[in-house]
Amino acid sequence: MRELPRHRIREVLQSEDYKTLALLCLDLLGAKDWLEGWKKMEEVVTASGEFVLSKFLASAYVLAHEEIYRLLSRSTREFLARDVVLCLEKTAQVIDALSQKQGSASGYAPPGV
């Protein structure tokens, strides 16, 4: 599992750089773009049953896309940013739990993660 960059999360929250915050979701999933990120998240969701992760990733997707981002009020951006932080934390926990569930001998990670 990739390490959750808590210091980086704090930095981007303090600077209100919500687009960069959203992109941390892709980093955590080891995805090069949003399509790959959605594929990998779907694998995590399917393996774990944690469907809320899809909702959280949707918030990240919205914040990462300029044409949507610029339409949002500051309050809406902050609200979605909180979901992105939850996405990062919960996704890291779920991937870790899936790895532990499969046992350390198998070295489980959802495909591509």
N, C-alpha and C. Protein backbone atom coordinates (compact mmCIF):
# COMPACT_ATOMS: atom_id res chain seq x y z
N MET A 1 0.85 -1.19 0.00
CA MET A 1 0.00 0.00 0.00
C MET A 1 0.88 1.24 0.00
N ARG A 2 0.46 2.20 -0.71
CA ARG A 2 1.15 3.48 -0.70
C ARG A 2 0.87 4.17 0.64
N GLU A 3 1.87 4.90 1.09
CA GLU A 3 1.74 5.62 2.37
C GLU A 3 0.80 6.82 2.19
N LEU A 4 -0.07 7.01 3.15
CA LEU A 4 -0.97 8.17 3.14
C LEU A 4 -0.15 9.41 3.50
N PRO A 5 -0.05 10.38 2.59
CA PRO A 5 0.81 11.56 2.82
C PRO A 5 0.13 12.61 3.70
N ARG A 6 0.02 12.32 4.99
CA ARG A 6 -0.70 13.21 5.91
C ARG A 6 -0.12 14.63 5.93
N HIS A 7 1.20 14.75 5.89
CA HIS A 7 1.81 16.09 5.89
C HIS A 7 1.41 16.85 4.63
N ARG A 8 1.36 16.16 3.51
CA ARG A 8 0.97 16.81 2.24
C ARG A 8 -0.50 17.22 2.27
N ILE A 9 -1.34 16.38 2.87
CA ILE A 9 -2.76 16.70 3.00
C ILE A 9 -2.92 17.99 3.80
N ARG A 10 -2.23 18.09 4.92
CA ARG A 10 -2.29 19.30 5.75
C ARG A 10 -1.84 20.54 4.96
N GLU A 11 -0.75 20.39 4.22
CA GLU A 11 -0.22 21.52 3.44
C GLU A 11 -1.25 22.03 2.43
N VAL A 12 -1.84 21.12 1.67
CA VAL A 12 -2.77 21.57 0.62
C VAL A 12 -4.07 22.09 1.22
N LEU A 13 -4.48 21.56 2.36
CA LEU A 13 -5.67 22.10 3.02
C LEU A 13 -5.41 23.52 3.51
N GLN A 14 -4.25 23.75 4.09
CA GLN A 14 -3.92 25.08 4.58
C GLN A 14 -3.83 26.10 3.45
N SER A 15 -3.36 25.66 2.30
CA SER A 15 -3.25 26.58 1.16
C SER A 15 -4.52 26.63 0.33
N GLU A 16 -5.51 25.84 0.72
CA GLU A 16 -6.79 25.73 0.00
C GLU A 16 -6.57 25.32 -1.46
N ASP A 17 -5.57 24.49 -1.68
CA ASP A 17 -5.26 23.97 -3.02
C ASP A 17 -6.01 22.65 -3.19
N TYR A 18 -7.30 22.75 -3.39
CA TYR A 18 -8.16 21.57 -3.41
C TYR A 18 -7.97 20.71 -4.65
N LYS A 19 -7.49 21.29 -5.72
CA LYS A 19 -7.20 20.49 -6.91
C LYS A 19 -6.05 19.52 -6.64
N THR A 20 -5.01 20.02 -6.01
CA THR A 20 -3.89 19.16 -5.64
C THR A 20 -4.33 18.10 -4.64
N LEU A 21 -5.17 18.49 -3.70
CA LEU A 21 -5.71 17.53 -2.73
C LEU A 21 -6.41 16.39 -3.47
N ALA A 22 -7.21 16.73 -4.46
CA ALA A 22 -7.94 15.71 -5.22
C ALA A 22 -6.98 14.76 -5.93
N LEU A 23 -5.90 15.30 -6.44
CA LEU A 23 -4.94 14.47 -7.16
C LEU A 23 -4.19 13.50 -6.25
N LEU A 24 -4.18 13.77 -4.95
CA LEU A 24 -3.57 12.84 -4.00
C LEU A 24 -4.32 11.50 -4.00
N CYS A 25 -5.60 11.53 -4.35
CA CYS A 25 -6.36 10.28 -4.45
C CYS A 25 -5.78 9.40 -5.55
N LEU A 26 -5.43 10.01 -6.67
CA LEU A 26 -4.82 9.24 -7.75
C LEU A 26 -3.46 8.69 -7.32
N ASP A 27 -2.70 9.51 -6.60
CA ASP A 27 -1.41 9.05 -6.10
C ASP A 27 -1.57 7.85 -5.19
N LEU A 28 -2.52 7.92 -4.28
CA LEU A 28 -2.75 6.82 -3.34
C LEU A 28 -3.11 5.54 -4.07
N LEU A 29 -3.91 5.66 -5.11
CA LEU A 29 -4.32 4.49 -5.90
C LEU A 29 -3.24 4.04 -6.88
N GLY A 30 -2.21 4.85 -7.07
CA GLY A 30 -1.18 4.52 -8.03
C GLY A 30 -1.68 4.63 -9.46
N ALA A 31 -2.56 5.61 -9.70
CA ALA A 31 -3.17 5.80 -11.01
C ALA A 31 -2.55 6.99 -11.72
N LYS A 32 -2.41 6.88 -13.03
CA LYS A 32 -1.82 7.97 -13.82
C LYS A 32 -2.85 8.98 -14.28
N ASP A 33 -4.14 8.59 -14.30
CA ASP A 33 -5.20 9.50 -14.73
C ASP A 33 -6.51 9.08 -14.08
N TRP A 34 -7.56 9.87 -14.33
CA TRP A 34 -8.84 9.61 -13.66
C TRP A 34 -9.49 8.32 -14.11
N LEU A 35 -9.35 7.94 -15.36
CA LEU A 35 -9.93 6.68 -15.81
C LEU A 35 -9.30 5.50 -15.09
N GLU A 36 -7.99 5.50 -15.00
CA GLU A 36 -7.31 4.44 -14.27
C GLU A 36 -7.67 4.49 -12.78
N GLY A 37 -7.80 5.70 -12.24
CA GLY A 37 -8.18 5.85 -10.83
C GLY A 37 -9.55 5.24 -10.56
N TRP A 38 -10.50 5.51 -11.45
CA TRP A 38 -11.85 4.94 -11.27
C TRP A 38 -11.82 3.43 -11.38
N LYS A 39 -11.02 2.89 -12.28
CA LYS A 39 -10.91 1.43 -12.42
C LYS A 39 -10.35 0.81 -11.15
N LYS A 40 -9.29 1.42 -10.64
CA LYS A 40 -8.67 0.88 -9.43
C LYS A 40 -9.59 1.03 -8.23
N MET A 41 -10.28 2.17 -8.14
CA MET A 41 -11.20 2.35 -7.01
C MET A 41 -12.33 1.33 -7.09
N GLU A 42 -12.80 1.04 -8.28
CA GLU A 42 -13.86 0.04 -8.43
C GLU A 42 -13.39 -1.33 -7.95
N GLU A 43 -12.14 -1.65 -8.18
CA GLU A 43 -11.58 -2.90 -7.68
C GLU A 43 -11.57 -2.91 -6.14
N VAL A 44 -11.18 -1.80 -5.57
CA VAL A 44 -11.16 -1.69 -4.10
C VAL A 44 -12.58 -1.80 -3.55
N VAL A 45 -13.52 -1.09 -4.17
CA VAL A 45 -14.92 -1.10 -3.73
C VAL A 45 -15.51 -2.50 -3.84
N THR A 46 -15.26 -3.16 -4.95
CA THR A 46 -15.79 -4.51 -5.16
C THR A 46 -15.22 -5.49 -4.13
N ALA A 47 -13.94 -5.38 -3.87
CA ALA A 47 -13.29 -6.29 -2.92
C ALA A 47 -13.72 -6.04 -1.48
N SER A 48 -14.04 -4.79 -1.17
CA SER A 48 -14.32 -4.42 0.23
C SER A 48 -15.79 -4.23 0.55
N GLY A 49 -16.60 -3.93 -0.47
CA GLY A 49 -18.00 -3.59 -0.21
C GLY A 49 -18.17 -2.17 0.33
N GLU A 50 -17.12 -1.38 0.32
CA GLU A 50 -17.16 0.01 0.81
C GLU A 50 -17.54 0.94 -0.33
N PHE A 51 -18.81 0.93 -0.70
CA PHE A 51 -19.28 1.70 -1.85
C PHE A 51 -19.18 3.21 -1.64
N VAL A 52 -19.10 3.65 -0.41
CA VAL A 52 -18.99 5.08 -0.13
C VAL A 52 -17.69 5.65 -0.72
N LEU A 53 -16.71 4.80 -0.94
CA LEU A 53 -15.46 5.29 -1.52
C LEU A 53 -15.68 5.86 -2.92
N SER A 54 -16.66 5.33 -3.64
CA SER A 54 -16.99 5.89 -4.96
C SER A 54 -17.51 7.31 -4.84
N LYS A 55 -18.32 7.55 -3.84
CA LYS A 55 -18.86 8.90 -3.61
C LYS A 55 -17.72 9.86 -3.26
N PHE A 56 -16.82 9.42 -2.43
CA PHE A 56 -15.70 10.26 -2.04
C PHE A 56 -14.80 10.56 -3.25
N LEU A 57 -14.56 9.55 -4.10
CA LEU A 57 -13.74 9.78 -5.28
C LEU A 57 -14.42 10.74 -6.25
N ALA A 58 -15.74 10.69 -6.28
CA ALA A 58 -16.49 11.63 -7.13
C ALA A 58 -16.24 13.07 -6.69
N SER A 59 -16.14 13.29 -5.39
CA SER A 59 -15.83 14.64 -4.89
C SER A 59 -14.44 15.06 -5.35
N ALA A 60 -13.50 14.15 -5.31
CA ALA A 60 -12.15 14.45 -5.78
C ALA A 60 -12.15 14.79 -7.26
N TYR A 61 -12.89 14.02 -8.02
CA TYR A 61 -12.98 14.24 -9.46
C TYR A 61 -13.51 15.64 -9.77
N VAL A 62 -14.54 16.05 -9.06
CA VAL A 62 -15.13 17.38 -9.26
C VAL A 62 -14.10 18.48 -8.96
N LEU A 63 -13.38 18.34 -7.86
CA LEU A 63 -12.40 19.37 -7.49
C LEU A 63 -11.21 19.42 -8.45
N ALA A 64 -10.92 18.33 -9.12
CA ALA A 64 -9.76 18.27 -10.00
C ALA A 64 -10.04 18.84 -11.39
N HIS A 65 -11.30 19.07 -11.71
CA HIS A 65 -11.64 19.52 -13.05
C HIS A 65 -12.02 21.00 -13.05
N GLU A 66 -11.20 21.78 -13.70
CA GLU A 66 -11.31 23.24 -13.70
C GLU A 66 -12.69 23.73 -14.11
N GLU A 67 -13.27 23.13 -15.15
CA GLU A 67 -14.56 23.61 -15.65
C GLU A 67 -15.67 23.46 -14.61
N ILE A 68 -15.54 22.51 -13.73
CA ILE A 68 -16.51 22.35 -12.64
C ILE A 68 -16.07 23.19 -11.44
N TYR A 69 -14.79 23.08 -11.10
CA TYR A 69 -14.23 23.75 -9.93
C TYR A 69 -14.57 25.24 -9.90
N ARG A 70 -14.39 25.90 -11.02
CA ARG A 70 -14.59 27.36 -11.04
C ARG A 70 -16.05 27.77 -10.86
N LEU A 71 -16.98 26.86 -11.06
CA LEU A 71 -18.40 27.15 -10.85
C LEU A 71 -18.80 27.07 -9.37
N LEU A 72 -17.99 26.43 -8.58
CA LEU A 72 -18.33 26.15 -7.18
C LEU A 72 -17.99 27.32 -6.26
N SER A 73 -18.82 27.51 -5.27
CA SER A 73 -18.51 28.51 -4.25
C SER A 73 -17.39 27.99 -3.35
N ARG A 74 -16.79 28.88 -2.62
CA ARG A 74 -15.75 28.49 -1.68
C ARG A 74 -16.28 27.48 -0.66
N SER A 75 -17.50 27.69 -0.19
CA SER A 75 -18.10 26.77 0.79
C SER A 75 -18.29 25.38 0.21
N THR A 76 -18.71 25.32 -1.04
CA THR A 76 -18.90 24.02 -1.69
C THR A 76 -17.55 23.33 -1.88
N ARG A 77 -16.55 24.08 -2.28
CA ARG A 77 -15.21 23.50 -2.43
C ARG A 77 -14.71 22.93 -1.11
N GLU A 78 -14.91 23.67 -0.03
CA GLU A 78 -14.47 23.20 1.29
C GLU A 78 -15.23 21.94 1.71
N PHE A 79 -16.52 21.91 1.42
CA PHE A 79 -17.33 20.74 1.74
C PHE A 79 -16.80 19.52 0.99
N LEU A 80 -16.55 19.67 -0.31
CA LEU A 80 -16.05 18.57 -1.11
C LEU A 80 -14.63 18.17 -0.68
N ALA A 81 -13.83 19.15 -0.27
CA ALA A 81 -12.48 18.85 0.19
C ALA A 81 -12.51 17.95 1.42
N ARG A 82 -13.48 18.15 2.29
CA ARG A 82 -13.60 17.25 3.46
C ARG A 82 -13.88 15.82 3.01
N ASP A 83 -14.70 15.66 1.97
CA ASP A 83 -14.95 14.32 1.43
C ASP A 83 -13.67 13.72 0.84
N VAL A 84 -12.86 14.55 0.23
CA VAL A 84 -11.61 14.05 -0.35
C VAL A 84 -10.67 13.56 0.75
N VAL A 85 -10.60 14.29 1.85
CA VAL A 85 -9.77 13.83 2.97
C VAL A 85 -10.30 12.49 3.48
N LEU A 86 -11.61 12.36 3.60
CA LEU A 86 -12.20 11.08 4.00
C LEU A 86 -11.86 10.00 2.98
N CYS A 87 -11.90 10.33 1.71
CA CYS A 87 -11.56 9.38 0.66
C CYS A 87 -10.14 8.86 0.85
N LEU A 88 -9.22 9.77 1.08
CA LEU A 88 -7.83 9.38 1.27
C LEU A 88 -7.66 8.48 2.48
N GLU A 89 -8.23 8.90 3.60
CA GLU A 89 -8.08 8.13 4.84
C GLU A 89 -8.75 6.76 4.74
N LYS A 90 -9.99 6.75 4.28
CA LYS A 90 -10.75 5.50 4.21
C LYS A 90 -10.17 4.55 3.17
N THR A 91 -9.75 5.07 2.03
CA THR A 91 -9.16 4.20 1.00
C THR A 91 -7.89 3.55 1.52
N ALA A 92 -7.05 4.32 2.19
CA ALA A 92 -5.83 3.76 2.76
C ALA A 92 -6.16 2.67 3.77
N GLN A 93 -7.16 2.91 4.63
CA GLN A 93 -7.56 1.91 5.62
C GLN A 93 -8.09 0.65 4.97
N VAL A 94 -8.92 0.81 3.94
CA VAL A 94 -9.54 -0.35 3.28
C VAL A 94 -8.48 -1.18 2.56
N ILE A 95 -7.57 -0.52 1.86
CA ILE A 95 -6.51 -1.26 1.17
C ILE A 95 -5.66 -2.02 2.18
N ASP A 96 -5.34 -1.37 3.30
CA ASP A 96 -4.57 -2.02 4.35
C ASP A 96 -5.34 -3.22 4.92
N ALA A 97 -6.63 -3.05 5.18
CA ALA A 97 -7.45 -4.14 5.72
C ALA A 97 -7.55 -5.30 4.73
N LEU A 98 -7.69 -5.00 3.46
CA LEU A 98 -7.74 -6.06 2.45
C LEU A 98 -6.43 -6.83 2.41
N SER A 99 -5.33 -6.11 2.53
CA SER A 99 -4.02 -6.75 2.54
C SER A 99 -3.87 -7.67 3.75
N GLN A 100 -4.29 -7.19 4.91
CA GLN A 100 -4.20 -7.99 6.13
C GLN A 100 -5.14 -9.18 6.09
N LYS A 101 -6.31 -8.99 5.53
CA LYS A 101 -7.30 -10.06 5.44
C LYS A 101 -6.77 -11.23 4.63
N GLN A 102 -6.06 -10.92 3.58
CA GLN A 102 -5.50 -11.96 2.72
C GLN A 102 -4.26 -12.59 3.33
N GLY A 103 -3.76 -11.99 4.36
CA GLY A 103 -2.58 -12.53 5.03
C GLY A 103 -1.31 -11.97 4.46
N SER A 104 -0.34 -11.83 5.30
CA SER A 104 0.92 -11.24 4.86
C SER A 104 1.67 -12.15 3.89
N ALA A 105 1.39 -13.43 3.90
CA ALA A 105 2.10 -14.35 3.00
C ALA A 105 1.71 -14.10 1.55
N SER A 106 0.46 -13.76 1.31
CA SER A 106 0.02 -13.56 -0.08
C SER A 106 0.36 -12.18 -0.60
N GLY A 107 0.60 -11.21 0.29
CA GLY A 107 0.92 -9.86 -0.13
C GLY A 107 -0.18 -9.22 -0.94
N TYR A 108 -1.42 -9.44 -0.56
CA TYR A 108 -2.58 -8.97 -1.32
C TYR A 108 -2.59 -7.47 -1.48
N ALA A 109 -2.89 -7.05 -2.65
CA ALA A 109 -3.25 -5.68 -2.95
C ALA A 109 -4.24 -5.77 -4.09
N PRO A 110 -5.30 -5.00 -4.05
CA PRO A 110 -6.23 -5.03 -5.17
C PRO A 110 -5.46 -4.85 -6.47
N PRO A 111 -5.85 -5.52 -7.53
CA PRO A 111 -5.11 -5.47 -8.79
C PRO A 111 -4.79 -4.04 -9.19
N GLY A 112 -3.52 -3.84 -9.48
CA GLY A 112 -3.09 -2.53 -9.95
C GLY A 112 -2.86 -1.51 -8.86
N VAL A 113 -3.16 -1.83 -7.61
CA VAL A 113 -2.99 -0.85 -6.52
C VAL A 113 -1.71 -1.15 -5.79
